[in-house]
Amino acid sequence: MKDKRTSLSPEGQSPPKQTVEKTYDSRDLFHGRQEILIEHAGHAYRLRITRQDKLILTK
């Protein structure tokens, strides 16, 4: 059985766990390239810009 004692905001949603402190512009990350590699916890992730100008992150 789940414990229903959770602290919810007045709107009924859980408060955010962490606030974003810094914003990175994608142009600063990509430097004109379409794809970059990001290493996290010993794994490489590929972040790329699609033809429709969307971002896709894959492992």
PDB file of N, CA and C in Angstrom:
ATOM      1  N   MET A   1       0.843  -1.180   0.000  1.00  0.00           N
ATOM      2  CA  MET A   1       0.000   0.000   0.000  1.00  0.00           C
ATOM      3  C   MET A   1       0.884   1.239   0.000  1.00  0.00           C
ATOM      4  N   LYS A   2       0.527   2.235  -0.793  1.00  0.00           N
ATOM      5  CA  LYS A   2       1.302   3.471  -0.905  1.00  0.00           C
ATOM      6  C   LYS A   2       1.002   4.394   0.258  1.00  0.00           C
ATOM      7  N   ASP A   3       2.012   5.114   0.687  1.00  0.00           N
ATOM      8  CA  ASP A   3       1.843   6.145   1.706  1.00  0.00           C
ATOM      9  C   ASP A   3       1.346   7.402   1.016  1.00  0.00           C
ATOM     10  N   LYS A   4       0.197   7.887   1.399  1.00  0.00           N
ATOM     11  CA  LYS A   4      -0.399   9.051   0.734  1.00  0.00           C
ATOM     12  C   LYS A   4       0.002  10.364   1.378  1.00  0.00           C
ATOM     13  N   ARG A   5       0.918  10.345   2.325  1.00  0.00           N
ATOM     14  CA  ARG A   5       1.358  11.576   2.978  1.00  0.00           C
ATOM     15  C   ARG A   5       2.476  12.209   2.176  1.00  0.00           C
ATOM     16  N   THR A   6       2.147  13.023   1.210  1.00  0.00           N
ATOM     17  CA  THR A   6       3.143  13.755   0.422  1.00  0.00           C
ATOM     18  C   THR A   6       2.846  15.232   0.518  1.00  0.00           C
ATOM     19  N   SER A   7       3.893  16.024   0.431  1.00  0.00           N
ATOM     20  CA  SER A   7       3.690  17.471   0.477  1.00  0.00           C
ATOM     21  C   SER A   7       3.442  17.976  -0.934  1.00  0.00           C
ATOM     22  N   LEU A   8       2.241  18.442  -1.181  1.00  0.00           N
ATOM     23  CA  LEU A   8       1.873  18.949  -2.495  1.00  0.00           C
ATOM     24  C   LEU A   8       1.677  20.448  -2.432  1.00  0.00           C
ATOM     25  N   SER A   9       1.918  21.093  -3.552  1.00  0.00           N
ATOM     26  CA  SER A   9       1.682  22.529  -3.641  1.00  0.00           C
ATOM     27  C   SER A   9       0.176  22.773  -3.669  1.00  0.00           C
ATOM     28  N   PRO A  10      -0.250  24.010  -3.509  1.00  0.00           N
ATOM     29  CA  PRO A  10      -1.688  24.296  -3.536  1.00  0.00           C
ATOM     30  C   PRO A  10      -2.386  23.841  -4.814  1.00  0.00           C
ATOM     31  N   GLU A  11      -1.654  23.773  -5.928  1.00  0.00           N
ATOM     32  CA  GLU A  11      -2.246  23.331  -7.189  1.00  0.00           C
ATOM     33  C   GLU A  11      -2.326  21.816  -7.264  1.00  0.00           C
ATOM     34  N   GLY A  12      -1.832  21.109  -6.246  1.00  0.00           N
ATOM     35  CA  GLY A  12      -1.878  19.657  -6.237  1.00  0.00           C
ATOM     36  C   GLY A  12      -0.692  18.995  -6.903  1.00  0.00           C
ATOM     37  N   GLN A  13       0.354  19.751  -7.200  1.00  0.00           N
ATOM     38  CA  GLN A  13       1.532  19.197  -7.841  1.00  0.00           C
ATOM     39  C   GLN A  13       2.694  19.209  -6.868  1.00  0.00           C
ATOM     40  N   SER A  14       3.589  18.238  -7.017  1.00  0.00           N
ATOM     41  CA  SER A  14       4.781  18.191  -6.185  1.00  0.00           C
ATOM     42  C   SER A  14       5.683  19.361  -6.513  1.00  0.00           C
ATOM     43  N   PRO A  15       6.361  19.930  -5.531  1.00  0.00           N
ATOM     44  CA  PRO A  15       7.295  21.029  -5.811  1.00  0.00           C
ATOM     45  C   PRO A  15       8.487  20.517  -6.605  1.00  0.00           C
ATOM     46  N   PRO A  16       9.128  21.368  -7.415  1.00  0.00           N
ATOM     47  CA  PRO A  16      10.293  20.925  -8.181  1.00  0.00           C
ATOM     48  C   PRO A  16      11.422  20.519  -7.249  1.00  0.00           C
ATOM     49  N   LYS A  17      12.191  19.496  -7.654  1.00  0.00           N
ATOM     50  CA  LYS A  17      13.284  18.996  -6.829  1.00  0.00           C
ATOM     51  C   LYS A  17      14.478  19.941  -6.844  1.00  0.00           C
ATOM     52  N   GLN A  18      14.744  20.552  -7.982  1.00  0.00           N
ATOM     53  CA  GLN A  18      15.923  21.404  -8.121  1.00  0.00           C
ATOM     54  C   GLN A  18      15.623  22.499  -9.133  1.00  0.00           C
ATOM     55  N   THR A  19      16.151  23.668  -8.882  1.00  0.00           N
ATOM     56  CA  THR A  19      15.954  24.757  -9.828  1.00  0.00           C
ATOM     57  C   THR A  19      17.121  24.811 -10.801  1.00  0.00           C
ATOM     58  N   VAL A  20      16.857  25.291 -11.996  1.00  0.00           N
ATOM     59  CA  VAL A  20      17.899  25.443 -13.011  1.00  0.00           C
ATOM     60  C   VAL A  20      18.645  26.733 -12.714  1.00  0.00           C
ATOM     61  N   GLU A  21      19.961  26.626 -12.596  1.00  0.00           N
ATOM     62  CA  GLU A  21      20.755  27.795 -12.231  1.00  0.00           C
ATOM     63  C   GLU A  21      21.436  28.455 -13.420  1.00  0.00           C
ATOM     64  N   LYS A  22      21.675  27.703 -14.489  1.00  0.00           N
ATOM     65  CA  LYS A  22      22.373  28.269 -15.639  1.00  0.00           C
ATOM     66  C   LYS A  22      21.710  27.771 -16.910  1.00  0.00           C
ATOM     67  N   THR A  23      21.598  28.651 -17.875  1.00  0.00           N
ATOM     68  CA  THR A  23      21.048  28.306 -19.179  1.00  0.00           C
ATOM     69  C   THR A  23      22.173  28.347 -20.203  1.00  0.00           C
ATOM     70  N   TYR A  24      22.209  27.345 -21.063  1.00  0.00           N
ATOM     71  CA  TYR A  24      23.220  27.280 -22.111  1.00  0.00           C
ATOM     72  C   TYR A  24      22.533  27.468 -23.453  1.00  0.00           C
ATOM     73  N   ASP A  25      23.029  28.359 -24.267  1.00  0.00           N
ATOM     74  CA  ASP A  25      22.527  28.545 -25.619  1.00  0.00           C
ATOM     75  C   ASP A  25      23.094  27.412 -26.477  1.00  0.00           C
ATOM     76  N   SER A  26      22.244  26.775 -27.257  1.00  0.00           N
ATOM     77  CA  SER A  26      22.704  25.644 -28.058  1.00  0.00           C
ATOM     78  C   SER A  26      23.810  26.041 -29.035  1.00  0.00           C
ATOM     79  N   ARG A  27      23.810  27.283 -29.500  1.00  0.00           N
ATOM     80  CA  ARG A  27      24.879  27.732 -30.405  1.00  0.00           C
ATOM     81  C   ARG A  27      26.238  27.682 -29.724  1.00  0.00           C
ATOM     82  N   ASP A  28      26.262  27.960 -28.405  1.00  0.00           N
ATOM     83  CA  ASP A  28      27.511  27.892 -27.659  1.00  0.00           C
ATOM     84  C   ASP A  28      27.986  26.453 -27.478  1.00  0.00           C
ATOM     85  N   LEU A  29      27.063  25.523 -27.433  1.00  0.00           N
ATOM     86  CA  LEU A  29      27.424  24.112 -27.276  1.00  0.00           C
ATOM     87  C   LEU A  29      27.845  23.486 -28.607  1.00  0.00           C
ATOM     88  N   PHE A  30      27.127  23.783 -29.663  1.00  0.00           N
ATOM     89  CA  PHE A  30      27.352  23.128 -30.946  1.00  0.00           C
ATOM     90  C   PHE A  30      28.422  23.799 -31.807  1.00  0.00           C
ATOM     91  N   HIS A  31      28.656  25.083 -31.663  1.00  0.00           N
ATOM     92  CA  HIS A  31      29.667  25.812 -32.446  1.00  0.00           C
ATOM     93  C   HIS A  31      29.561  25.511 -33.938  1.00  0.00           C
ATOM     94  N   GLY A  32      28.327  25.551 -34.472  1.00  0.00           N
ATOM     95  CA  GLY A  32      28.127  25.332 -35.897  1.00  0.00           C
ATOM     96  C   GLY A  32      28.007  23.882 -36.321  1.00  0.00           C
ATOM     97  N   ARG A  33      28.226  22.949 -35.408  1.00  0.00           N
ATOM     98  CA  ARG A  33      28.104  21.527 -35.739  1.00  0.00           C
ATOM     99  C   ARG A  33      26.657  21.076 -35.581  1.00  0.00           C
ATOM    100  N   GLN A  34      26.333  19.933 -36.117  1.00  0.00           N
ATOM    101  CA  GLN A  34      24.978  19.378 -36.003  1.00  0.00           C
ATOM    102  C   GLN A  34      24.875  18.360 -34.877  1.00  0.00           C
ATOM    103  N   GLU A  35      26.014  17.948 -34.321  1.00  0.00           N
ATOM    104  CA  GLU A  35      26.007  16.873 -33.332  1.00  0.00           C
ATOM    105  C   GLU A  35      27.162  17.039 -32.354  1.00  0.00           C
ATOM    106  N   ILE A  36      26.898  16.759 -31.080  1.00  0.00           N
ATOM    107  CA  ILE A  36      27.950  16.770 -30.062  1.00  0.00           C
ATOM    108  C   ILE A  36      27.802  15.525 -29.194  1.00  0.00           C
ATOM    109  N   LEU A  37      28.865  15.164 -28.500  1.00  0.00           N
ATOM    110  CA  LEU A  37      28.833  14.058 -27.553  1.00  0.00           C
ATOM    111  C   LEU A  37      28.855  14.619 -26.143  1.00  0.00           C
ATOM    112  N   ILE A  38      28.040  14.034 -25.277  1.00  0.00           N
ATOM    113  CA  ILE A  38      27.991  14.423 -23.876  1.00  0.00           C
ATOM    114  C   ILE A  38      28.288  13.179 -23.054  1.00  0.00           C
ATOM    115  N   GLU A  39      29.267  13.262 -22.161  1.00  0.00           N
ATOM    116  CA  GLU A  39      29.578  12.133 -21.295  1.00  0.00           C
ATOM    117  C   GLU A  39      28.907  12.346 -19.954  1.00  0.00           C
ATOM    118  N   HIS A  40      28.212  11.301 -19.490  1.00  0.00           N
ATOM    119  CA  HIS A  40      27.517  11.364 -18.204  1.00  0.00           C
ATOM    120  C   HIS A  40      27.596   9.990 -17.538  1.00  0.00           C
ATOM    121  N   ALA A  41      28.108   9.963 -16.339  1.00  0.00           N
ATOM    122  CA  ALA A  41      28.194   8.733 -15.538  1.00  0.00           C
ATOM    123  C   ALA A  41      28.856   7.591 -16.308  1.00  0.00           C
ATOM    124  N   GLY A  42      29.905   7.915 -17.054  1.00  0.00           N
ATOM    125  CA  GLY A  42      30.650   6.897 -17.777  1.00  0.00           C
ATOM    126  C   GLY A  42      30.033   6.461 -19.090  1.00  0.00           C
ATOM    127  N   HIS A  43      28.949   7.105 -19.507  1.00  0.00           N
ATOM    128  CA  HIS A  43      28.287   6.767 -20.761  1.00  0.00           C
ATOM    129  C   HIS A  43      28.320   7.973 -21.698  1.00  0.00           C
ATOM    130  N   ALA A  44      28.425   7.691 -22.999  1.00  0.00           N
ATOM    131  CA  ALA A  44      28.429   8.757 -24.002  1.00  0.00           C
ATOM    132  C   ALA A  44      27.026   8.903 -24.576  1.00  0.00           C
ATOM    133  N   TYR A  45      26.564  10.125 -24.659  1.00  0.00           N
ATOM    134  CA  TYR A  45      25.262  10.445 -25.234  1.00  0.00           C
ATOM    135  C   TYR A  45      25.480  11.380 -26.413  1.00  0.00           C
ATOM    136  N   ARG A  46      24.693  11.202 -27.459  1.00  0.00           N
ATOM    137  CA  ARG A  46      24.792  11.990 -28.669  1.00  0.00           C
ATOM    138  C   ARG A  46      23.627  12.981 -28.693  1.00  0.00           C
ATOM    139  N   LEU A  47      23.931  14.265 -28.767  1.00  0.00           N
ATOM    140  CA  LEU A  47      22.914  15.301 -28.876  1.00  0.00           C
ATOM    141  C   LEU A  47      23.028  15.895 -30.269  1.00  0.00           C
ATOM    142  N   ARG A  48      21.932  15.817 -31.030  1.00  0.00           N
ATOM    143  CA  ARG A  48      22.003  16.314 -32.397  1.00  0.00           C
ATOM    144  C   ARG A  48      20.824  17.211 -32.730  1.00  0.00           C
ATOM    145  N   ILE A  49      21.044  18.071 -33.716  1.00  0.00           N
ATOM    146  CA  ILE A  49      20.013  18.969 -34.226  1.00  0.00           C
ATOM    147  C   ILE A  49      19.433  18.321 -35.485  1.00  0.00           C
ATOM    148  N   THR A  50      18.115  18.167 -35.531  1.00  0.00           N
ATOM    149  CA  THR A  50      17.456  17.546 -36.685  1.00  0.00           C
ATOM    150  C   THR A  50      17.238  18.566 -37.801  1.00  0.00           C
ATOM    151  N   ARG A  51      16.762  18.085 -38.937  1.00  0.00           N
ATOM    152  CA  ARG A  51      16.436  18.975 -40.064  1.00  0.00           C
ATOM    153  C   ARG A  51      15.315  19.935 -39.714  1.00  0.00           C
ATOM    154  N   GLN A  52      14.452  19.537 -38.764  1.00  0.00           N
ATOM    155  CA  GLN A  52      13.352  20.409 -38.332  1.00  0.00           C
ATOM    156  C   GLN A  52      13.779  21.332 -37.178  1.00  0.00           C
ATOM    157  N   ASP A  53      15.092  21.396 -36.908  1.00  0.00           N
ATOM    158  CA  ASP A  53      15.671  22.252 -35.869  1.00  0.00           C
ATOM    159  C   ASP A  53      15.227  21.853 -34.456  1.00  0.00           C
ATOM    160  N   LYS A  54      15.066  20.548 -34.245  1.00  0.00           N
ATOM    161  CA  LYS A  54      14.743  20.006 -32.916  1.00  0.00           C
ATOM    162  C   LYS A  54      15.991  19.320 -32.381  1.00  0.00           C
ATOM    163  N   LEU A  55      16.029  19.118 -31.057  1.00  0.00           N
ATOM    164  CA  LEU A  55      17.146  18.415 -30.437  1.00  0.00           C
ATOM    165  C   LEU A  55      16.743  16.983 -30.107  1.00  0.00           C
ATOM    166  N   ILE A  56      17.642  16.043 -30.382  1.00  0.00           N
ATOM    167  CA  ILE A  56      17.425  14.649 -30.030  1.00  0.00           C
ATOM    168  C   ILE A  56      18.649  14.144 -29.270  1.00  0.00           C
ATOM    169  N   LEU A  57      18.402  13.525 -28.116  1.00  0.00           N
ATOM    170  CA  LEU A  57      19.460  12.966 -27.287  1.00  0.00           C
ATOM    171  C   LEU A  57      19.329  11.448 -27.339  1.00  0.00           C
ATOM    172  N   THR A  58      20.415  10.754 -27.746  1.00  0.00           N
ATOM    173  CA  THR A  58      20.412   9.302 -27.801  1.00  0.00           C
ATOM    174  C   THR A  58      21.646   8.762 -27.092  1.00  0.00           C
ATOM    175  N   LYS A  59      21.524   7.533 -26.631  1.00  0.00           N
ATOM    176  CA  LYS A  59      22.635   6.885 -25.936  1.00  0.00           C
ATOM    177  C   LYS A  59      23.444   6.096 -26.946  1.00  0.00           C
TER     178      LYS A  59
END
